[in-house]
Amino acid sequence: MAYHDGESVSPHRIRVLYVTDLTYQARGRRYGDEDVFLSDRLRSDFDVALCHPQDALVFMNSFDVVVVRNSGPVIHYQGHHDEFRSRALQAGTRVFNELTGKADMIGKQYLLDLYRAGYPVIPTVERLQDLDQLPLADQYVAKPKYGADSVGLQFVERDQLRELSFEDLLVQPRVDFDYEVSFYFVDRTFEYALYAPHADQRWVLEPYEPTEADLSFAQQFIDWNDIEHGIQRVDACRTRDGGLFLVELEDLNPYLSLDRVAPPVLDVFVRDVTSSIAALAGVSPASGPGSRPRSG
């Protein structure tokens, strides 16, 4: 781990520990390229050092803010992640995204909770005796409550549902949809949207111009979640009748597909991320991200 260009750290600049796994091989995405780009842009305003997620606990106390980005599914290093999260919460470490999220950050139980609360979520159950609450479908999706990046995901026929263990498992009907669309937010502000026009190519994305109804749909989940500083991605599917269902609310380390974003939009996104990190570090908006953060 090293600071950029071997320079000494300025006492007047915010020190950012940027957590990423540059070597993680994600299907259809280039994690390393995205984080090299974004961390480089952040160096204009902060002193930045990169580290692997398994090393975050060792270094986090030496920085003003820990930025968790493309660190890969935590199930691959669950012990390290759990200890990092516990220590960071105990010490009051400033983590971006803040560790107060109620969505993917703590598993997929939120899908069931939101569905029960009447939010537009794909129908979801967690118990064998509740299967009759699901609509009839050709196939069903069984997903681990603590899975990520499709790890452990199963597609099953209806007559196979009763063979599932239902231990830390959620079951949903496999929805017939036109396309998937993702809405990206910094803090509670919408930044951009991308969609996959071909249902079988999730990460072949194109810019998407959301309607007011689309934005209202996405905003309700951002407003529900308890994150004031961080990047969130609302993943939804457009059903055949034109409606939207929430697929996932990514609030831990969402991939951003920045290579699909137009330069002017990307500049605004980087500016807003910079401002959010500075605010999290305790810098007032008037003083800007180049000023000394408050202690405490």
Protein backbone atom coordinates (compact mmCIF):
# COMPACT_ATOMS: atom_id res chain seq x y z
CA MET A 1 0.00 0.00 0.00
CA ALA A 2 1.37 3.39 -0.96
CA TYR A 3 0.30 6.97 -1.33
CA HIS A 4 0.22 8.38 -4.84
CA ASP A 5 3.52 9.21 -6.47
CA GLY A 6 5.37 8.60 -3.23
CA GLU A 7 4.42 12.06 -1.95
CA SER A 8 4.25 12.80 1.74
CA VAL A 9 0.78 13.22 3.21
CA SER A 10 -0.40 16.80 3.58
CA PRO A 11 -1.80 17.53 7.05
CA HIS A 12 -4.48 19.68 5.37
CA ARG A 13 -5.90 16.98 3.13
CA ILE A 14 -8.35 14.23 3.96
CA ARG A 15 -6.73 10.78 4.07
CA VAL A 16 -8.83 8.16 2.27
CA LEU A 17 -8.32 4.40 2.50
CA TYR A 18 -9.81 3.05 -0.73
CA VAL A 19 -10.77 -0.61 -0.29
CA THR A 20 -10.87 -2.67 -3.49
CA ASP A 21 -9.96 -6.05 -4.89
CA LEU A 22 -8.37 -5.11 -8.20
CA THR A 23 -7.93 -8.77 -9.12
CA TYR A 24 -11.52 -9.94 -8.61
CA GLN A 25 -12.86 -11.53 -11.79
CA ALA A 26 -16.47 -10.41 -12.10
CA ARG A 27 -18.59 -11.67 -14.95
CA GLY A 28 -19.05 -8.93 -17.55
CA ARG A 29 -17.39 -6.24 -15.42
CA ARG A 30 -13.88 -4.90 -14.97
CA TYR A 31 -13.66 -4.11 -11.27
CA GLY A 32 -10.01 -3.12 -11.39
CA ASP A 33 -10.38 -0.63 -14.25
CA GLU A 34 -13.27 1.14 -12.53
CA ASP A 35 -11.43 1.54 -9.24
CA VAL A 36 -8.17 2.66 -10.85
CA PHE A 37 -10.15 5.38 -12.60
CA LEU A 38 -12.23 6.53 -9.62
CA SER A 39 -9.41 6.45 -7.08
CA ASP A 40 -7.27 8.48 -9.46
CA ARG A 41 -9.98 11.12 -9.80
CA LEU A 42 -10.34 11.31 -6.02
CA ARG A 43 -6.61 12.04 -5.68
CA SER A 44 -7.30 15.56 -6.94
CA ASP A 45 -8.87 16.32 -3.55
CA PHE A 46 -7.68 13.64 -1.13
CA ASP A 47 -4.61 11.68 -0.13
CA VAL A 48 -5.59 8.19 -1.30
CA ALA A 49 -4.18 4.74 -0.59
CA LEU A 50 -5.58 1.49 -1.98
CA CYS A 51 -5.78 -1.74 -0.02
CA HIS A 52 -7.32 -5.19 -0.35
CA PRO A 53 -10.50 -5.78 1.73
CA GLN A 54 -8.69 -8.35 3.89
CA ASP A 55 -6.21 -5.62 4.92
CA ALA A 56 -8.77 -2.89 5.69
CA LEU A 57 -8.86 -3.68 9.41
CA VAL A 58 -5.09 -3.26 9.70
CA PHE A 59 -4.97 0.19 8.09
CA MET A 60 -8.34 1.82 8.78
CA ASN A 61 -7.33 3.69 11.94
CA SER A 62 -4.67 5.63 10.01
CA PHE A 63 -7.22 7.32 7.73
CA ASP A 64 -10.00 9.87 8.00
CA VAL A 65 -12.44 7.93 5.80
CA VAL A 66 -12.55 4.32 4.59
CA VAL A 67 -14.12 4.12 1.12
CA VAL A 68 -15.35 0.60 0.33
CA ARG A 69 -15.70 0.13 -3.40
CA ASN A 70 -15.37 -2.94 -5.64
CA SER A 71 -14.27 -5.28 -2.88
CA GLY A 72 -16.11 -8.34 -4.25
CA PRO A 73 -18.67 -10.55 -2.46
CA VAL A 74 -17.85 -10.57 1.25
CA ILE A 75 -18.75 -14.25 1.48
CA HIS A 76 -15.27 -14.89 0.04
CA TYR A 77 -13.69 -13.25 3.12
CA GLN A 78 -16.60 -13.29 5.57
CA GLY A 79 -14.48 -13.43 8.72
CA HIS A 80 -12.37 -10.42 7.74
CA HIS A 81 -15.46 -8.45 6.76
CA ASP A 82 -17.37 -9.23 9.95
CA GLU A 83 -14.44 -8.15 12.09
CA PHE A 84 -13.89 -4.99 10.04
CA ARG A 85 -17.56 -4.07 10.33
CA SER A 86 -17.66 -4.77 14.07
CA ARG A 87 -14.49 -2.82 14.83
CA ALA A 88 -15.49 0.08 12.58
CA LEU A 89 -18.90 0.41 14.24
CA GLN A 90 -17.36 0.18 17.69
CA ALA A 91 -14.70 2.79 16.93
CA GLY A 92 -17.01 5.13 15.04
CA THR A 93 -14.84 4.83 11.92
CA ARG A 94 -16.13 6.92 9.04
CA VAL A 95 -16.96 4.38 6.34
CA PHE A 96 -18.29 5.22 2.89
CA ASN A 97 -20.85 3.68 2.43
CA GLU A 98 -21.94 4.26 6.00
CA LEU A 99 -22.52 0.98 7.85
CA THR A 100 -26.09 1.92 8.75
CA GLY A 101 -27.61 0.45 5.57
CA LYS A 102 -30.54 -1.96 5.83
CA ALA A 103 -30.25 -3.62 2.42
CA ASP A 104 -27.60 -5.87 0.83
CA MET A 105 -25.11 -4.64 3.41
CA ILE A 106 -26.66 -7.01 5.95
CA GLY A 107 -28.09 -9.66 3.64
CA LYS A 108 -31.29 -9.99 1.61
CA GLN A 109 -33.84 -10.14 4.40
CA TYR A 110 -34.88 -6.64 3.36
CA LEU A 111 -36.54 -8.07 0.22
CA LEU A 112 -38.97 -9.99 2.42
CA ASP A 113 -39.43 -7.05 4.79
CA LEU A 114 -40.15 -4.60 1.96
CA TYR A 115 -42.54 -7.01 0.28
CA ARG A 116 -44.47 -7.51 3.50
CA ALA A 117 -44.60 -3.72 3.94
CA GLY A 118 -46.23 -3.30 0.54
CA TYR A 119 -43.31 -1.96 -1.48
CA PRO A 120 -43.09 -2.87 -5.20
CA VAL A 121 -40.77 -5.83 -4.71
CA ILE A 122 -40.84 -9.21 -6.42
CA PRO A 123 -43.05 -11.43 -4.20
CA THR A 124 -40.78 -13.05 -1.61
CA VAL A 125 -41.19 -15.74 1.05
CA GLU A 126 -38.80 -17.47 3.45
CA ARG A 127 -40.87 -20.39 4.78
CA LEU A 128 -42.16 -23.57 3.23
CA GLN A 129 -45.66 -22.94 4.60
CA ASP A 130 -45.81 -19.57 2.80
CA LEU A 131 -45.26 -20.93 -0.71
CA ASP A 132 -48.97 -20.54 -1.51
CA GLN A 133 -48.48 -16.75 -1.19
CA LEU A 134 -46.37 -16.74 -4.35
CA PRO A 135 -48.01 -16.36 -7.76
CA LEU A 136 -47.89 -19.29 -10.13
CA ALA A 137 -44.77 -19.26 -12.31
CA ASP A 138 -42.91 -21.58 -14.65
CA GLN A 139 -39.82 -21.34 -12.45
CA TYR A 140 -38.80 -19.92 -9.10
CA VAL A 141 -35.62 -18.32 -7.84
CA ALA A 142 -34.07 -19.48 -4.58
CA LYS A 143 -31.41 -17.09 -3.31
CA PRO A 144 -29.31 -17.24 -0.13
CA LYS A 145 -30.03 -14.42 2.30
CA TYR A 146 -26.31 -13.75 2.49
CA GLY A 147 -25.35 -14.44 -1.11
CA ALA A 148 -23.94 -11.97 -3.64
CA ASP A 149 -22.98 -11.84 -7.30
CA SER A 150 -25.37 -14.76 -7.98
CA VAL A 151 -23.37 -17.08 -5.68
CA GLY A 152 -25.70 -19.87 -4.54
CA LEU A 153 -28.59 -18.75 -6.76
CA GLN A 154 -30.87 -21.58 -7.94
CA PHE A 155 -33.69 -21.82 -10.48
CA VAL A 156 -36.20 -24.48 -9.50
CA GLU A 157 -39.51 -25.84 -10.78
CA ARG A 158 -42.61 -25.49 -8.62
CA ASP A 159 -42.66 -29.19 -7.75
CA GLN A 160 -39.07 -28.86 -6.48
CA LEU A 161 -39.81 -26.03 -4.03
CA ARG A 162 -40.70 -28.37 -1.17
CA GLU A 163 -37.33 -30.05 -1.51
CA LEU A 164 -35.50 -26.86 -0.51
CA SER A 165 -34.09 -26.57 2.98
CA PHE A 166 -35.38 -23.00 3.55
CA GLU A 167 -32.43 -22.34 5.82
CA ASP A 168 -31.31 -18.72 5.26
CA LEU A 169 -33.08 -18.87 1.90
CA LEU A 170 -35.54 -16.60 0.10
CA VAL A 171 -37.81 -17.79 -2.72
CA GLN A 172 -39.34 -15.65 -5.47
CA PRO A 173 -41.15 -16.36 -8.74
CA ARG A 174 -38.94 -15.99 -11.79
CA VAL A 175 -40.40 -12.84 -13.31
CA ASP A 176 -40.90 -12.51 -17.06
CA PHE A 177 -39.53 -9.03 -17.78
CA ASP A 178 -38.57 -6.83 -20.70
CA TYR A 179 -35.30 -5.53 -19.29
CA GLU A 180 -33.40 -4.66 -16.12
CA VAL A 181 -32.62 -1.07 -15.21
CA SER A 182 -30.36 0.36 -12.51
CA PHE A 183 -30.60 3.75 -10.84
CA TYR A 184 -27.44 5.15 -9.23
CA PHE A 185 -27.48 7.55 -6.28
CA VAL A 186 -24.88 9.46 -4.27
CA ASP A 187 -26.30 10.03 -0.79
CA ARG A 188 -29.97 10.65 -1.62
CA THR A 189 -29.39 12.35 -4.98
CA PHE A 190 -30.05 10.59 -8.28
CA GLU A 191 -27.02 10.60 -10.60
CA TYR A 192 -27.72 8.44 -13.66
CA ALA A 193 -29.49 5.31 -14.89
CA LEU A 194 -28.41 2.43 -17.12
CA TYR A 195 -30.36 -0.47 -18.54
CA ALA A 196 -29.74 -3.84 -20.13
CA PRO A 197 -31.93 -3.94 -23.26
CA HIS A 198 -31.24 -7.67 -23.67
CA ALA A 199 -32.51 -9.73 -20.76
CA ASP A 200 -29.83 -12.39 -21.23
CA GLN A 201 -26.95 -9.86 -21.14
CA ARG A 202 -27.18 -8.22 -17.70
CA TRP A 203 -23.96 -6.22 -17.96
CA VAL A 204 -24.26 -5.00 -21.54
CA LEU A 205 -25.61 -1.65 -20.43
CA GLU A 206 -26.77 1.49 -22.18
CA PRO A 207 -27.75 4.95 -20.86
CA TYR A 208 -31.37 5.16 -19.75
CA GLU A 209 -33.50 8.30 -19.47
CA PRO A 210 -35.83 7.74 -16.50
CA THR A 211 -39.33 9.13 -16.29
CA GLU A 212 -40.62 10.93 -13.21
CA ALA A 213 -42.42 7.73 -12.27
CA ASP A 214 -39.17 5.76 -12.60
CA LEU A 215 -37.34 8.20 -10.34
CA SER A 216 -40.16 8.13 -7.78
CA PHE A 217 -39.95 4.33 -7.79
CA ALA A 218 -36.20 4.32 -7.15
CA GLN A 219 -36.24 7.20 -4.66
CA GLN A 220 -38.60 5.42 -2.27
CA PHE A 221 -35.98 2.74 -1.60
CA ILE A 222 -33.20 5.28 -1.11
CA ASP A 223 -35.43 7.18 1.32
CA TRP A 224 -36.24 3.93 3.15
CA ASN A 225 -32.59 3.08 3.66
CA ASP A 226 -30.53 4.61 6.47
CA ILE A 227 -27.52 5.87 4.50
CA GLU A 228 -26.72 9.57 4.39
CA HIS A 229 -23.24 9.25 2.84
CA GLY A 230 -22.57 6.61 0.21
CA ILE A 231 -23.30 5.25 -3.26
CA GLN A 232 -26.38 3.10 -3.79
CA ARG A 233 -27.73 1.24 -6.82
CA VAL A 234 -31.40 0.40 -7.17
CA ASP A 235 -31.78 -2.61 -9.48
CA ALA A 236 -35.23 -3.13 -10.97
CA CYS A 237 -36.94 -5.12 -13.71
CA ARG A 238 -39.49 -3.76 -16.14
CA THR A 239 -42.36 -6.21 -16.33
CA ARG A 240 -44.37 -6.99 -19.47
CA ASP A 241 -47.19 -4.74 -18.26
CA GLY A 242 -44.81 -1.77 -17.92
CA GLY A 243 -44.41 -1.78 -14.14
CA LEU A 244 -41.22 -1.91 -12.09
CA PHE A 245 -40.23 -4.39 -9.38
CA LEU A 246 -37.22 -4.02 -7.11
CA VAL A 247 -34.66 -6.75 -7.72
CA GLU A 248 -31.97 -5.58 -5.28
CA LEU A 249 -30.86 -2.51 -3.38
CA GLU A 250 -27.06 -2.56 -3.50
CA ASP A 251 -25.79 -0.49 -0.57
CA LEU A 252 -22.44 -2.09 0.27
CA ASN A 253 -20.14 -1.97 -2.75
CA PRO A 254 -22.24 -1.58 -5.92
CA TYR A 255 -20.43 -1.79 -9.24
CA LEU A 256 -21.04 1.51 -11.06
CA SER A 257 -20.43 0.75 -14.77
CA LEU A 258 -18.65 4.09 -15.09
CA ASP A 259 -17.34 3.13 -18.51
CA ARG A 260 -20.94 3.36 -19.74
CA VAL A 261 -21.53 6.89 -18.41
CA ALA A 262 -21.20 10.02 -20.57
CA PRO A 263 -18.27 12.30 -19.55
CA PRO A 264 -20.41 15.28 -18.38
CA VAL A 265 -22.54 12.98 -16.21
CA LEU A 266 -19.42 11.24 -14.93
CA ASP A 267 -17.87 14.55 -13.90
CA VAL A 268 -20.95 15.43 -11.84
CA PHE A 269 -20.91 11.98 -10.25
CA VAL A 270 -17.24 12.29 -9.22
CA ARG A 271 -17.89 15.79 -7.87
CA ASP A 272 -20.79 14.54 -5.76
CA VAL A 273 -18.82 11.55 -4.46
CA THR A 274 -15.99 13.91 -3.52
CA SER A 275 -18.37 16.24 -1.68
CA SER A 276 -19.99 13.35 0.15
CA ILE A 277 -16.67 11.92 1.34
CA ALA A 278 -15.60 15.37 2.49
CA ALA A 279 -18.86 15.85 4.39
CA LEU A 280 -18.49 12.44 6.01
CA ALA A 281 -14.97 13.39 7.11
CA GLY A 282 -16.38 16.44 8.85
CA VAL A 283 -15.49 19.17 6.38
CA SER A 284 -18.07 21.90 6.06
CA PRO A 285 -19.36 22.56 2.52
CA ALA A 286 -18.05 26.10 2.70
CA SER A 287 -14.47 25.07 3.38
CA GLY A 288 -14.34 22.41 0.66
CA PRO A 289 -12.56 19.05 0.50
CA GLY A 290 -9.10 20.57 0.68
CA SER A 291 -9.55 21.75 4.25
CA ARG A 292 -8.62 20.07 7.49
CA PRO A 293 -11.30 17.69 8.85
CA ARG A 294 -12.58 18.20 12.35
CA SER A 295 -11.28 15.88 15.03
CA GLY A 296 -13.43 13.33 16.74
